[in-house]
Amino acid sequence: MRMDDDTLLGEVGQALWGPLWKGPMAEAVRHQKTAVSDWASGRVPVPAGVWSELKEIMRRRRHDLDNLVRRTQKAHDAALERTVEQTRQRKR
């Protein structure tokens, strides 16, 4: 049974590039925006190579986000330490 390429493509596009995803996706997978529109409308099936490209883009994005989560956690911890220290100093 074939998945609904158009639905999944839209979900992937929204997740990666937001509501105006077709242009950025076309650039990322090196196809014309009209091809992306054809895939998104269900007129033409999404080629296997495009799915491969999108999987790789999602993997890289997940890796980048994982790194940002770690850095954000460190920033949060440092800010919390500063807040606790400032609170202690005010109580003295």
Protein backbone atom coordinates (compact mmCIF):
# COMPACT_ATOMS: atom_id res chain seq x y z
CA MET A 1 0.00 0.00 0.00
CA ARG A 2 1.39 3.41 -1.02
CA MET A 3 1.54 6.15 1.59
CA ASP A 4 0.00 9.46 0.71
CA ASP A 5 3.16 11.17 -0.53
CA ASP A 6 1.47 14.56 -0.64
CA THR A 7 0.41 14.44 3.02
CA LEU A 8 3.79 13.25 4.27
CA LEU A 9 5.64 15.70 2.05
CA GLY A 10 3.59 18.57 3.48
CA GLU A 11 4.28 17.42 7.04
CA VAL A 12 8.01 17.16 6.37
CA GLY A 13 8.06 20.53 4.60
CA GLN A 14 6.19 22.26 7.44
CA ALA A 15 8.44 20.72 10.07
CA LEU A 16 11.64 21.75 8.31
CA TRP A 17 10.76 25.10 6.76
CA GLY A 18 7.42 26.31 8.14
CA PRO A 19 4.34 27.39 6.19
CA LEU A 20 6.23 28.64 3.13
CA TRP A 21 8.12 25.37 2.70
CA LYS A 22 7.88 24.62 -1.02
CA GLY A 23 10.56 27.05 -2.20
CA PRO A 24 13.12 26.10 0.44
CA MET A 25 12.43 22.41 -0.14
CA ALA A 26 12.89 22.80 -3.90
CA GLU A 27 16.24 24.46 -3.29
CA ALA A 28 17.31 21.83 -0.75
CA VAL A 29 16.50 18.87 -3.01
CA ARG A 30 17.67 20.67 -6.17
CA HIS A 31 14.38 20.54 -8.07
CA GLN A 32 12.12 23.22 -9.48
CA LYS A 33 9.42 24.61 -7.20
CA THR A 34 6.85 23.43 -9.75
CA ALA A 35 8.02 19.84 -9.21
CA VAL A 36 7.57 20.24 -5.44
CA SER A 37 4.10 21.67 -6.06
CA ASP A 38 3.27 18.68 -8.26
CA TRP A 39 4.40 16.28 -5.53
CA ALA A 40 2.52 18.25 -2.86
CA SER A 41 -0.69 18.17 -4.87
CA GLY A 42 -0.42 14.42 -5.43
CA ARG A 43 -0.25 14.85 -9.23
CA VAL A 44 3.20 13.27 -9.37
CA PRO A 45 4.72 10.80 -6.87
CA VAL A 46 7.75 11.94 -4.92
CA PRO A 47 10.91 10.30 -6.34
CA ALA A 48 12.85 7.94 -4.07
CA GLY A 49 15.93 10.16 -4.34
CA VAL A 50 13.99 13.11 -2.94
CA TRP A 51 12.86 11.03 0.04
CA SER A 52 16.51 10.10 0.61
CA GLU A 53 17.53 13.76 0.51
CA LEU A 54 14.77 14.72 2.93
CA LYS A 55 15.76 11.95 5.34
CA GLU A 56 19.33 13.23 5.34
CA ILE A 57 18.20 16.83 5.86
CA MET A 58 16.05 15.71 8.80
CA ARG A 59 18.95 13.73 10.29
CA ARG A 60 21.24 16.76 10.06
CA ARG A 61 18.57 19.04 11.53
CA ARG A 62 17.99 16.61 14.41
CA HIS A 63 21.75 16.51 15.07
CA ASP A 64 21.95 20.32 15.04
CA LEU A 65 18.96 20.58 17.38
CA ASP A 66 20.41 17.98 19.75
CA ASN A 67 23.58 20.07 19.98
CA LEU A 68 21.54 23.20 20.65
CA VAL A 69 19.58 21.42 23.38
CA ARG A 70 22.83 20.59 25.18
CA ARG A 71 24.12 24.16 24.85
CA THR A 72 20.77 25.59 25.92
CA GLN A 73 20.75 23.32 28.97
CA LYS A 74 24.20 24.60 29.95
CA ALA A 75 23.06 28.21 29.52
CA HIS A 76 19.98 27.48 31.61
CA ASP A 77 22.06 25.89 34.36
CA ALA A 78 24.46 28.84 34.42
CA ALA A 79 21.58 31.33 34.55
CA LEU A 80 19.96 29.39 37.37
CA GLU A 81 23.23 29.38 39.31
CA ARG A 82 23.51 33.16 38.88
CA THR A 83 19.95 33.64 40.07
CA VAL A 84 20.50 31.48 43.14
CA GLU A 85 23.74 33.31 43.96
CA GLN A 86 22.09 36.72 43.54
CA THR A 87 19.25 35.65 45.81
CA ARG A 88 21.73 34.48 48.45
CA GLN A 89 23.62 37.78 48.31
CA ARG A 90 20.41 39.81 48.75
CA LYS A 91 19.51 37.83 51.86
CA ARG A 92 22.80 38.73 53.56
